N, C-alpha and C. Protein backbone atom coordinates (compact mmCIF):
# COMPACT_ATOMS: atom_id res chain seq x y z
N MET A 1 79.50 118.82 81.61
CA MET A 1 80.78 118.15 81.58
C MET A 1 81.96 119.03 81.23
N SER A 2 83.33 118.51 81.71
CA SER A 2 84.66 119.29 81.47
C SER A 2 84.70 119.37 80.32
N GLU A 3 85.47 120.45 79.74
CA GLU A 3 86.19 120.58 78.51
C GLU A 3 87.08 119.58 78.19
N LYS A 4 87.66 118.92 78.73
CA LYS A 4 88.52 117.69 79.07
C LYS A 4 87.93 116.56 78.13
N MET A 5 86.85 116.30 78.76
CA MET A 5 85.90 115.11 78.50
C MET A 5 85.27 115.57 76.85
N MET A 6 85.23 116.72 76.46
CA MET A 6 84.68 116.83 75.28
C MET A 6 85.61 116.88 74.01
N GLU A 7 86.84 116.89 74.27
CA GLU A 7 88.12 116.88 73.43
C GLU A 7 88.37 116.08 72.50
N ASN A 8 87.73 114.72 72.62
CA ASN A 8 87.72 113.49 71.78
C ASN A 8 86.52 113.66 70.64
N ASN A 9 85.66 114.55 70.68
CA ASN A 9 84.79 114.59 69.58
C ASN A 9 84.17 115.97 69.65
N LYS A 10 84.56 116.81 68.46
CA LYS A 10 84.66 118.01 68.39
C LYS A 10 84.13 118.36 66.70
N VAL A 11 83.01 118.94 66.89
CA VAL A 11 82.33 119.20 65.51
C VAL A 11 81.67 120.64 65.18
N ASN A 12 82.13 121.62 63.93
CA ASN A 12 81.70 122.62 63.76
C ASN A 12 81.19 122.68 62.50
N VAL A 13 79.81 123.10 62.17
CA VAL A 13 79.49 123.19 60.72
C VAL A 13 78.69 124.64 60.62
N ILE A 14 78.69 125.42 59.52
CA ILE A 14 77.87 126.23 59.20
C ILE A 14 77.26 126.09 57.93
N GLY A 15 76.01 126.67 58.07
CA GLY A 15 75.04 125.97 56.88
C GLY A 15 73.55 126.83 56.74
N GLU A 16 72.81 126.50 56.03
CA GLU A 16 71.71 127.18 55.78
C GLU A 16 70.53 126.24 56.74
N VAL A 17 69.74 126.78 57.40
CA VAL A 17 68.60 126.07 57.94
C VAL A 17 67.62 125.92 57.11
N ALA A 18 67.26 124.41 56.47
CA ALA A 18 66.34 123.86 55.70
C ALA A 18 64.91 123.82 56.42
N ASP A 19 64.88 123.34 57.42
CA ASP A 19 63.53 123.06 57.94
C ASP A 19 63.30 123.69 59.23
N ASN A 20 61.86 124.09 59.83
CA ASN A 20 61.53 124.35 61.05
C ASN A 20 62.33 123.74 61.98
N PHE A 21 62.32 123.76 63.16
CA PHE A 21 62.44 122.67 64.24
C PHE A 21 61.38 121.76 64.61
N THR A 22 61.57 120.56 64.93
CA THR A 22 60.71 119.50 65.10
C THR A 22 61.26 118.97 66.58
N PHE A 23 60.19 118.42 67.66
CA PHE A 23 60.39 117.96 68.92
C PHE A 23 61.19 116.52 68.55
N SER A 24 62.22 116.23 69.34
CA SER A 24 62.64 114.93 69.05
C SER A 24 62.57 114.16 70.58
N HIS A 25 63.19 114.58 71.74
CA HIS A 25 62.87 113.95 72.86
C HIS A 25 62.95 115.06 73.83
N GLU A 26 62.74 114.59 75.21
CA GLU A 26 62.78 115.11 76.32
C GLU A 26 63.76 114.66 77.43
N MET A 27 64.69 115.30 78.13
CA MET A 27 65.55 114.64 78.93
C MET A 27 65.89 115.62 80.40
N PHE A 28 65.47 115.31 81.47
CA PHE A 28 65.35 115.91 82.79
C PHE A 28 64.71 117.20 82.42
N GLY A 29 63.50 117.08 81.99
CA GLY A 29 62.73 118.44 81.68
C GLY A 29 63.29 119.36 80.65
N GLU A 30 64.07 118.98 79.98
CA GLU A 30 64.80 119.81 78.71
C GLU A 30 64.60 119.25 77.42
N GLY A 31 63.67 120.11 76.62
CA GLY A 31 63.59 119.39 75.18
C GLY A 31 64.36 119.61 74.29
N PHE A 32 64.52 118.69 73.04
CA PHE A 32 65.40 118.64 72.41
C PHE A 32 64.86 118.54 71.10
N TYR A 33 65.24 119.40 70.21
CA TYR A 33 64.66 119.61 68.75
C TYR A 33 65.55 119.61 67.64
N LEU A 34 64.92 119.27 66.46
CA LEU A 34 65.97 118.68 65.32
C LEU A 34 65.62 119.49 64.31
N THR A 35 66.59 120.03 63.42
CA THR A 35 66.50 120.71 62.36
C THR A 35 67.52 119.85 60.98
N THR A 36 67.39 120.41 59.86
CA THR A 36 68.44 119.98 58.98
C THR A 36 69.12 121.33 58.46
N LEU A 37 70.41 121.30 58.46
CA LEU A 37 71.31 122.18 57.92
C LEU A 37 72.21 121.85 56.48
N LEU A 38 71.87 122.55 55.72
CA LEU A 38 72.39 122.40 54.19
C LEU A 38 73.70 123.14 54.17
N VAL A 39 74.77 122.05 54.10
CA VAL A 39 76.16 122.49 54.36
C VAL A 39 77.11 122.33 52.97
N ASN A 40 77.17 123.20 52.39
CA ASN A 40 77.98 123.25 51.27
C ASN A 40 79.49 122.62 51.18
N ARG A 41 79.82 121.87 50.02
CA ARG A 41 80.86 121.25 49.71
C ARG A 41 81.94 122.23 49.16
N LEU A 42 83.24 121.77 48.85
CA LEU A 42 83.89 122.62 47.92
C LEU A 42 83.64 122.12 46.60
N SER A 43 82.88 121.08 46.32
CA SER A 43 82.25 120.95 44.97
C SER A 43 80.68 121.56 45.00
N ASP A 44 79.78 121.32 43.90
CA ASP A 44 78.44 121.84 44.02
C ASP A 44 77.66 121.09 44.90
N GLN A 45 78.07 119.83 45.54
CA GLN A 45 77.04 119.17 46.21
C GLN A 45 76.97 119.95 47.66
N VAL A 46 76.04 119.67 48.16
CA VAL A 46 75.61 119.84 49.42
C VAL A 46 75.25 118.76 50.38
N ASP A 47 75.69 118.81 51.86
CA ASP A 47 75.38 117.92 52.95
C ASP A 47 74.17 118.16 53.50
N GLU A 48 73.11 117.34 53.66
CA GLU A 48 72.01 117.66 54.73
C GLU A 48 72.26 116.88 56.04
N ILE A 49 72.59 118.10 56.95
CA ILE A 49 73.15 117.38 58.39
C ILE A 49 72.23 117.75 59.27
N PRO A 50 71.60 116.78 59.95
CA PRO A 50 70.86 116.70 61.05
C PRO A 50 71.37 117.48 62.56
N LEU A 51 70.55 118.50 62.80
CA LEU A 51 71.09 119.26 63.98
C LEU A 51 70.41 119.21 65.02
N MET A 52 70.74 118.82 66.21
CA MET A 52 70.00 118.59 67.45
C MET A 52 70.41 119.74 68.55
N VAL A 53 69.12 120.66 68.83
CA VAL A 53 69.12 121.81 69.71
C VAL A 53 68.41 121.61 70.94
N SER A 54 69.14 122.11 72.00
CA SER A 54 68.30 122.25 73.39
C SER A 54 67.31 123.27 73.01
N GLU A 55 66.23 123.32 73.83
CA GLU A 55 65.32 124.53 73.67
C GLU A 55 65.92 125.72 74.56
N ARG A 56 66.85 125.22 75.42
CA ARG A 56 67.72 126.25 76.37
C ARG A 56 68.60 127.23 75.79
N LEU A 57 69.09 126.59 74.64
CA LEU A 57 69.87 127.17 73.55
C LEU A 57 69.76 128.31 72.72
N MET A 58 68.44 127.97 72.36
CA MET A 58 67.76 129.10 71.34
C MET A 58 66.55 128.59 71.56
N ASP A 59 65.45 129.87 70.65
CA ASP A 59 64.16 129.90 70.99
C ASP A 59 63.67 128.77 69.74
N VAL A 60 63.61 127.71 69.73
CA VAL A 60 63.18 126.83 68.87
C VAL A 60 61.83 127.05 67.69
N SER A 61 60.81 127.91 68.74
CA SER A 61 59.36 128.11 67.95
C SER A 61 59.78 129.19 66.66
N ARG A 62 60.92 129.68 66.68
CA ARG A 62 61.15 130.86 65.55
C ARG A 62 61.37 129.89 64.25
N ASP A 63 61.03 131.06 63.00
CA ASP A 63 61.35 130.40 61.79
C ASP A 63 62.50 130.83 61.04
N TYR A 64 63.44 129.82 61.27
CA TYR A 64 64.84 130.41 61.08
C TYR A 64 65.30 130.03 59.33
N ARG A 65 64.20 129.53 58.70
CA ARG A 65 64.57 128.76 57.35
C ARG A 65 64.92 129.88 56.25
N GLY A 66 66.08 129.47 55.82
CA GLY A 66 66.81 130.14 54.66
C GLY A 66 67.83 131.05 55.62
N GLY A 67 67.80 131.13 56.82
CA GLY A 67 69.12 131.96 57.37
C GLY A 67 70.02 131.02 57.73
N ILE A 68 71.08 131.51 57.82
CA ILE A 68 72.63 130.71 58.12
C ILE A 68 73.00 130.79 59.53
N LEU A 69 73.20 129.50 59.82
CA LEU A 69 73.46 128.94 61.38
C LEU A 69 74.73 128.51 61.56
N GLU A 70 75.43 128.66 62.60
CA GLU A 70 76.83 128.09 63.02
C GLU A 70 76.77 127.29 64.32
N ALA A 71 77.14 125.80 64.27
CA ALA A 71 76.75 125.08 65.49
C ALA A 71 78.03 124.72 65.78
N SER A 72 78.56 124.54 67.00
CA SER A 72 79.63 123.73 67.29
C SER A 72 79.28 122.83 68.42
N GLY A 73 79.76 121.63 68.68
CA GLY A 73 79.44 120.63 69.42
C GLY A 73 79.79 119.17 69.04
N GLN A 74 79.22 118.26 69.32
CA GLN A 74 79.40 116.67 69.24
C GLN A 74 78.92 116.27 67.88
N PHE A 75 79.28 114.76 67.53
CA PHE A 75 78.79 114.13 66.61
C PHE A 75 78.19 112.81 67.44
N ARG A 76 76.68 112.77 67.39
CA ARG A 76 76.09 111.86 68.52
C ARG A 76 75.43 110.82 67.70
N SER A 77 75.34 109.44 68.54
CA SER A 77 74.47 108.58 68.00
C SER A 77 73.68 107.64 68.91
N PHE A 78 72.26 107.52 68.32
CA PHE A 78 71.68 106.66 69.46
C PHE A 78 70.99 105.62 68.42
N ASN A 79 70.42 104.49 69.12
CA ASN A 79 69.71 103.34 68.28
C ASN A 79 68.45 103.47 68.43
N ARG A 80 67.47 103.80 67.27
CA ARG A 80 66.20 103.83 67.16
C ARG A 80 65.67 102.62 66.96
N HIS A 81 64.69 101.82 67.88
CA HIS A 81 64.17 100.56 67.71
C HIS A 81 63.01 100.75 66.29
N GLU A 82 63.21 100.10 65.41
CA GLU A 82 62.15 99.91 64.27
C GLU A 82 61.84 98.76 63.84
N GLY A 83 60.54 98.38 64.71
CA GLY A 83 60.43 96.78 64.87
C GLY A 83 61.09 95.76 65.31
N SER A 84 61.68 94.79 64.77
CA SER A 84 62.57 94.10 65.28
C SER A 84 63.89 94.53 65.25
N ARG A 85 64.31 95.53 64.34
CA ARG A 85 65.41 96.00 64.41
C ARG A 85 66.14 97.39 64.77
N ASN A 86 67.30 97.69 65.37
CA ASN A 86 67.87 98.84 65.62
C ASN A 86 68.34 99.84 64.48
N ARG A 87 68.19 100.77 64.39
CA ARG A 87 68.70 101.79 63.37
C ARG A 87 69.53 102.75 64.18
N LEU A 88 70.87 102.99 63.94
CA LEU A 88 72.03 103.80 64.21
C LEU A 88 71.23 105.13 63.75
N VAL A 89 70.94 106.09 64.60
CA VAL A 89 70.81 107.52 64.18
C VAL A 89 71.75 108.35 64.49
N LEU A 90 72.16 109.46 63.57
CA LEU A 90 73.13 110.37 64.00
C LEU A 90 72.79 111.88 63.71
N SER A 91 73.36 112.66 64.38
CA SER A 91 73.10 114.22 64.53
C SER A 91 74.17 114.85 65.28
N VAL A 92 74.52 116.26 64.64
CA VAL A 92 75.26 116.74 65.28
C VAL A 92 74.55 117.59 66.54
N PHE A 93 75.20 117.40 67.71
CA PHE A 93 74.53 117.81 68.94
C PHE A 93 74.99 119.26 69.34
N ALA A 94 74.65 120.24 69.41
CA ALA A 94 74.87 121.62 69.42
C ALA A 94 75.23 122.07 70.69
N ARG A 95 76.39 122.36 71.25
CA ARG A 95 76.53 123.22 72.53
C ARG A 95 76.84 124.54 72.25
N GLU A 96 77.13 125.22 71.29
CA GLU A 96 76.72 126.58 70.89
C GLU A 96 76.18 126.85 69.59
N ILE A 97 75.76 128.00 69.67
CA ILE A 97 75.01 128.79 68.32
C ILE A 97 75.39 130.02 68.28
N HIS A 98 75.90 130.51 66.86
CA HIS A 98 76.05 131.68 66.71
C HIS A 98 74.97 131.74 64.99
N PHE A 99 74.90 133.06 64.61
CA PHE A 99 74.30 133.71 63.37
C PHE A 99 75.38 134.12 62.63
N PRO A 100 76.02 134.00 61.97
CA PRO A 100 77.61 134.55 61.14
C PRO A 100 76.23 135.46 59.86
N GLU A 101 77.03 136.70 59.86
CA GLU A 101 76.37 137.68 59.13
C GLU A 101 76.57 137.55 57.67
N GLU A 102 77.43 136.70 57.16
CA GLU A 102 77.47 136.18 55.69
C GLU A 102 78.49 135.02 55.69
N ARG A 103 78.25 134.17 54.56
CA ARG A 103 78.93 132.81 54.56
C ARG A 103 80.51 132.90 54.43
N SER A 104 81.03 132.07 55.31
CA SER A 104 82.34 131.88 55.32
C SER A 104 82.96 131.01 54.29
N ASP A 105 84.18 131.15 54.19
CA ASP A 105 85.09 130.05 53.16
C ASP A 105 84.24 128.42 53.47
N TYR A 106 84.25 128.28 52.29
CA TYR A 106 83.40 126.72 52.38
C TYR A 106 84.46 125.86 52.95
N ALA A 107 85.74 125.95 53.01
CA ALA A 107 86.57 125.17 53.44
C ALA A 107 86.69 124.81 54.72
N ARG A 108 85.90 126.26 55.56
CA ARG A 108 85.94 125.89 56.93
C ARG A 108 84.38 125.84 57.52
N THR A 109 83.41 125.44 56.53
CA THR A 109 82.24 125.38 57.13
C THR A 109 81.93 123.77 57.65
N ASN A 110 82.77 123.08 57.68
CA ASN A 110 82.39 121.53 58.12
C ASN A 110 83.59 120.91 58.51
N GLN A 111 83.84 120.97 59.70
CA GLN A 111 85.14 120.22 60.47
C GLN A 111 84.83 119.50 61.61
N ILE A 112 85.46 118.26 61.64
CA ILE A 112 85.17 117.41 62.70
C ILE A 112 86.56 116.70 63.01
N PHE A 113 86.66 116.22 64.62
CA PHE A 113 87.90 116.05 65.09
C PHE A 113 87.21 114.63 65.86
N LEU A 114 87.64 113.17 65.95
CA LEU A 114 87.25 112.20 66.52
C LEU A 114 88.42 111.47 66.89
N ASP A 115 88.69 111.34 68.17
CA ASP A 115 89.83 109.98 69.20
C ASP A 115 88.56 109.26 69.91
N GLY A 116 88.79 107.94 69.22
CA GLY A 116 87.90 106.99 69.64
C GLY A 116 88.61 105.49 69.05
N TYR A 117 87.78 104.36 69.39
CA TYR A 117 88.48 102.72 69.25
C TYR A 117 87.41 102.55 68.22
N LEU A 118 88.17 101.67 67.11
CA LEU A 118 87.63 100.69 66.28
C LEU A 118 87.17 99.58 66.72
N CYS A 119 85.72 99.83 66.53
CA CYS A 119 85.03 98.55 66.88
C CYS A 119 84.41 97.30 66.04
N LYS A 120 84.76 97.70 64.88
CA LYS A 120 84.73 96.42 63.63
C LYS A 120 85.92 96.31 62.98
N ALA A 121 86.03 95.16 62.14
CA ALA A 121 87.06 95.18 61.34
C ALA A 121 86.88 96.00 60.12
N PRO A 122 87.76 96.97 59.59
CA PRO A 122 87.58 97.58 58.36
C PRO A 122 87.29 97.06 57.16
N VAL A 123 86.20 97.49 56.64
CA VAL A 123 86.08 96.98 55.24
C VAL A 123 86.54 97.58 54.09
N TYR A 124 87.74 96.80 53.47
CA TYR A 124 88.28 97.64 52.13
C TYR A 124 87.71 97.05 50.85
N ARG A 125 87.57 97.95 50.04
CA ARG A 125 87.09 97.61 48.75
C ARG A 125 87.48 98.65 47.69
N LYS A 126 87.37 98.33 46.68
CA LYS A 126 87.63 99.13 44.99
C LYS A 126 86.09 99.61 44.52
N THR A 127 86.26 100.56 44.21
CA THR A 127 85.17 101.06 43.24
C THR A 127 85.45 100.29 41.79
N PRO A 128 84.57 100.24 40.96
CA PRO A 128 84.34 99.83 39.59
C PRO A 128 85.63 100.71 38.56
N LEU A 129 85.63 102.23 39.20
CA LEU A 129 86.73 102.40 38.54
C LEU A 129 88.02 102.64 39.44
N GLY A 130 88.22 101.53 40.19
CA GLY A 130 89.41 101.48 40.78
C GLY A 130 89.96 102.33 42.27
N ARG A 131 88.61 103.51 42.55
CA ARG A 131 88.82 104.00 43.76
C ARG A 131 88.98 103.21 45.20
N GLU A 132 90.07 103.55 45.74
CA GLU A 132 90.18 102.57 47.07
C GLU A 132 89.34 103.15 47.97
N ILE A 133 88.40 102.54 49.13
CA ILE A 133 87.71 102.93 50.14
C ILE A 133 87.76 101.88 50.92
N ALA A 134 87.89 102.28 52.40
CA ALA A 134 87.86 101.82 53.59
C ALA A 134 86.83 102.25 54.54
N ASP A 135 85.58 101.26 55.01
CA ASP A 135 84.53 101.69 55.98
C ASP A 135 85.09 101.48 57.24
N LEU A 136 84.99 102.44 58.15
CA LEU A 136 85.54 102.09 59.82
C LEU A 136 84.30 102.51 60.59
N LEU A 137 84.18 101.87 61.59
CA LEU A 137 83.36 102.07 62.98
C LEU A 137 83.88 102.52 64.17
N LEU A 138 83.84 103.94 64.58
CA LEU A 138 84.59 104.31 65.71
C LEU A 138 83.62 104.17 66.70
N ALA A 139 83.98 103.82 67.97
CA ALA A 139 83.52 104.21 69.17
C ALA A 139 84.17 105.28 70.10
N VAL A 140 83.27 106.27 69.94
CA VAL A 140 83.90 107.47 70.87
C VAL A 140 83.47 107.66 72.16
N ASN A 141 83.78 107.42 73.43
CA ASN A 141 83.36 107.40 74.65
C ASN A 141 83.00 108.97 74.98
N ARG A 142 81.86 108.85 76.02
CA ARG A 142 81.30 109.87 76.50
C ARG A 142 81.32 109.51 78.16
N PRO A 143 81.00 110.68 78.82
CA PRO A 143 81.05 110.23 80.27
C PRO A 143 80.02 109.15 80.79
N TYR A 144 80.15 108.52 81.95
CA TYR A 144 79.04 108.01 82.49
C TYR A 144 78.95 106.59 81.60
N GLY A 145 80.11 106.26 81.02
CA GLY A 145 80.07 104.92 80.61
C GLY A 145 79.45 105.01 79.16
N LYS A 146 78.98 106.19 78.64
CA LYS A 146 78.42 105.69 77.23
C LYS A 146 79.25 106.02 76.16
N SER A 147 79.02 105.56 74.82
CA SER A 147 79.78 105.74 73.65
C SER A 147 79.10 106.25 72.39
N ASP A 148 79.70 106.83 71.88
CA ASP A 148 78.85 107.13 70.23
C ASP A 148 79.71 106.28 69.42
N TYR A 149 78.69 105.51 68.12
CA TYR A 149 79.06 105.24 67.21
C TYR A 149 79.47 105.65 65.82
N ILE A 150 80.39 106.08 65.22
CA ILE A 150 80.30 106.82 64.13
C ILE A 150 80.85 106.34 63.03
N PRO A 151 80.16 106.12 61.81
CA PRO A 151 80.68 105.55 60.61
C PRO A 151 81.57 106.42 59.99
N CYS A 152 83.03 105.81 59.49
CA CYS A 152 83.83 106.98 58.94
C CYS A 152 84.11 106.24 57.48
N ILE A 153 84.70 106.92 56.54
CA ILE A 153 84.98 106.50 55.25
C ILE A 153 86.28 107.18 54.86
N ALA A 154 87.03 106.37 54.60
CA ALA A 154 88.33 106.86 54.21
C ALA A 154 88.74 106.35 52.77
N TRP A 155 89.35 107.43 51.98
CA TRP A 155 89.94 107.12 50.49
C TRP A 155 91.12 107.04 49.86
N GLY A 156 91.60 106.20 49.16
CA GLY A 156 92.71 106.17 48.57
C GLY A 156 93.91 105.77 49.46
N ARG A 157 94.73 106.73 49.70
CA ARG A 157 96.05 106.06 50.60
C ARG A 157 95.60 105.79 52.34
N ASN A 158 94.84 106.77 52.27
CA ASN A 158 94.04 106.56 54.02
C ASN A 158 93.42 105.47 54.03
N ALA A 159 92.66 104.94 52.89
CA ALA A 159 91.79 103.86 52.88
C ALA A 159 93.06 102.40 52.98
N ARG A 160 94.10 102.64 52.51
CA ARG A 160 94.91 101.52 52.50
C ARG A 160 95.76 101.42 53.77
N TYR A 161 95.95 102.55 54.44
CA TYR A 161 96.64 102.44 55.80
C TYR A 161 95.14 102.31 56.83
N ALA A 162 94.15 102.48 56.73
CA ALA A 162 93.33 101.79 57.67
C ALA A 162 92.83 100.34 57.58
N SER A 163 92.85 99.96 56.38
CA SER A 163 92.64 98.55 55.93
C SER A 163 93.14 97.34 56.78
N ASN A 164 94.62 98.01 57.65
CA ASN A 164 95.61 96.93 58.12
C ASN A 164 95.31 97.14 59.83
N PHE A 165 94.19 97.99 59.95
CA PHE A 165 93.98 98.48 61.72
C PHE A 165 93.21 97.08 62.21
N ASP A 166 93.53 96.99 63.45
CA ASP A 166 92.97 95.55 64.15
C ASP A 166 91.65 96.58 65.06
N VAL A 167 90.59 95.66 65.40
CA VAL A 167 89.94 96.15 66.37
C VAL A 167 90.23 96.17 68.00
N GLY A 168 89.86 97.61 68.12
CA GLY A 168 90.09 98.11 69.43
C GLY A 168 91.47 99.02 69.19
N SER A 169 91.79 99.03 68.14
CA SER A 169 92.65 100.32 67.73
C SER A 169 92.38 101.68 67.96
N ARG A 170 93.25 102.42 68.91
CA ARG A 170 92.85 103.78 68.91
C ARG A 170 92.98 104.64 67.63
N LEU A 171 91.95 105.71 67.13
CA LEU A 171 92.68 106.33 66.10
C LEU A 171 91.83 107.75 66.44
N ARG A 172 92.89 108.60 65.89
CA ARG A 172 92.24 110.12 65.51
C ARG A 172 92.05 110.47 64.13
N ILE A 173 91.04 110.96 64.15
CA ILE A 173 90.29 111.10 62.65
C ILE A 173 89.97 112.79 62.86
N TRP A 174 90.47 113.24 61.27
CA TRP A 174 90.10 114.62 61.04
C TRP A 174 89.24 114.56 59.58
N GLY A 175 88.26 115.28 59.66
CA GLY A 175 87.73 115.38 58.14
C GLY A 175 86.36 116.02 58.14
N ARG A 176 85.13 115.72 57.84
CA ARG A 176 84.10 116.63 57.99
C ARG A 176 82.70 115.58 57.87
N VAL A 177 81.76 115.86 58.27
CA VAL A 177 80.34 115.30 58.22
C VAL A 177 79.83 115.28 56.82
N GLN A 178 79.15 114.12 56.69
CA GLN A 178 78.73 114.13 55.15
C GLN A 178 77.45 113.26 55.48
N SER A 179 76.53 113.76 54.29
CA SER A 179 75.45 112.84 54.28
C SER A 179 75.32 112.23 52.68
N ARG A 180 74.73 110.96 52.64
CA ARG A 180 74.72 110.11 51.28
C ARG A 180 73.41 109.57 51.15
N GLU A 181 72.82 109.82 50.10
CA GLU A 181 71.19 109.31 49.89
C GLU A 181 71.36 108.07 49.03
N TYR A 182 70.52 107.18 49.63
CA TYR A 182 70.42 105.90 49.21
C TYR A 182 68.95 105.36 49.33
N THR A 183 68.52 104.36 48.45
CA THR A 183 67.13 103.67 48.59
C THR A 183 67.23 102.38 49.06
N LYS A 184 65.87 102.10 49.93
CA LYS A 184 66.25 101.05 50.76
C LYS A 184 64.76 100.26 50.54
N LYS A 185 64.62 98.99 50.10
CA LYS A 185 63.83 98.42 49.42
C LYS A 185 62.81 97.77 50.55
N ILE A 186 61.70 98.31 50.58
CA ILE A 186 60.56 97.92 51.47
C ILE A 186 59.91 96.51 51.14
N SER A 187 59.43 96.45 49.95
CA SER A 187 58.55 95.45 49.27
C SER A 187 59.08 95.18 48.07
N GLU A 188 58.26 94.24 47.50
CA GLU A 188 58.54 93.88 45.76
C GLU A 188 58.17 95.45 45.15
N GLU A 189 57.32 96.25 45.70
CA GLU A 189 56.68 97.36 44.66
C GLU A 189 57.51 98.78 45.40
N ASP A 190 57.93 98.80 46.72
CA ASP A 190 58.28 99.99 47.27
C ASP A 190 59.59 99.96 47.83
N VAL A 191 59.96 101.23 47.42
CA VAL A 191 61.51 101.53 47.97
C VAL A 191 61.14 102.93 48.71
N GLU A 192 62.27 102.99 49.60
CA GLU A 192 62.20 104.15 50.52
C GLU A 192 63.52 105.14 50.32
N ARG A 193 63.62 106.56 50.05
CA ARG A 193 64.38 107.36 50.16
C ARG A 193 65.08 107.56 51.85
N ARG A 194 66.17 107.21 51.61
CA ARG A 194 67.13 107.54 53.06
C ARG A 194 68.24 108.22 53.15
N VAL A 195 68.63 108.90 53.92
CA VAL A 195 70.03 109.38 54.21
C VAL A 195 70.84 108.88 54.86
N ALA A 196 71.96 108.40 54.80
CA ALA A 196 73.06 107.88 55.59
C ALA A 196 74.13 109.00 55.96
N TYR A 197 74.71 109.23 57.15
CA TYR A 197 75.72 110.14 57.67
C TYR A 197 77.08 109.36 58.14
N GLU A 198 77.88 109.98 57.61
CA GLU A 198 79.42 109.59 58.05
C GLU A 198 80.22 110.72 57.79
N VAL A 199 81.37 110.15 58.48
CA VAL A 199 82.46 111.03 58.48
C VAL A 199 83.46 110.79 57.34
N SER A 200 83.68 111.42 56.57
CA SER A 200 84.38 111.55 55.46
C SER A 200 85.88 112.04 55.81
N VAL A 201 87.02 110.88 55.92
CA VAL A 201 88.06 111.05 56.23
C VAL A 201 89.19 111.74 55.39
N SER A 202 89.81 113.09 55.98
CA SER A 202 90.98 113.67 55.48
C SER A 202 92.12 113.60 55.94
N LYS A 203 92.16 113.03 57.30
CA LYS A 203 93.30 112.92 57.96
C LYS A 203 93.28 111.52 59.11
N LEU A 204 94.12 111.00 59.49
CA LEU A 204 93.98 109.67 60.33
C LEU A 204 95.21 109.16 61.02
N GLU A 205 95.24 108.93 62.02
CA GLU A 205 96.32 108.03 62.56
C GLU A 205 96.11 107.35 63.96
N CYS A 206 96.83 106.09 63.73
CA CYS A 206 96.57 105.15 64.95
C CYS A 206 97.58 105.59 66.08
N VAL A 207 97.00 105.78 67.29
CA VAL A 207 97.85 105.97 68.59
C VAL A 207 98.03 104.70 69.07
N GLU A 208 99.17 104.48 69.55
CA GLU A 208 100.01 103.50 70.20
C GLU A 208 99.48 103.63 71.83
N SER A 209 98.82 102.33 72.30
CA SER A 209 98.55 102.47 73.55
C SER A 209 99.48 102.61 74.37
C-alpha cells in the first residue's frame, strides 16, 4: 500500500502492554494477534486500546506485559457476526512498532487523524448537566473498495458545528482513540461488561467537494 493511500487514516499510540498476544485471524498465510494497550489520558483515566499486530512485525510469542510499546498504523473496523446480529469491532492496526525507553509526554501518547465521509446523520444531544455532544460515524476508505467505519464523538462547540453536517459530507478529524465501558443486558438476571471504542474529537473541519 502506498503512503498516499494511508494518509486518510493515521494513528499513533504509546502505552503499557496489558495482555499476552492472542490469535485473531490469518490472511494469506500471515497471522494477526491482539493485545490491549493501556494509554494514559491527561486526566487520571486510562484508555484500554485493542492493538492488532502481524506475527511478521514482532515476536508475538514473547511476554511484553508491563512494558511500554509505541504503535503507528491505522484505526480499523470489521463486522463480527454474533448470532443474528453484526457487531462493529475496532482496533489499532499496527504498521510500525517501537519500544521507548521511557514514557513520553501524555499529550503525545494518543493521536489520530481521519479523512472520510459521514455515513449517518449526526446525533446531537445534551447531558443532564448541559454539556453538548454529537455522535458521528465516519467511513474512511481503504484500497480495493473497502472502508473502515469509525465512531467519533464531538463536544461543545465542535458538537454544535458537527450537528449541521449532511450525510456524505467529507470530514477531517483530529483527536484521540478512547475506550468507554458500558453494560449490556443479556437477560433479566444477567448483564455483561463491554468496552466501546471511538475517536474523541479535538478538531474537525468539513471539506468542500
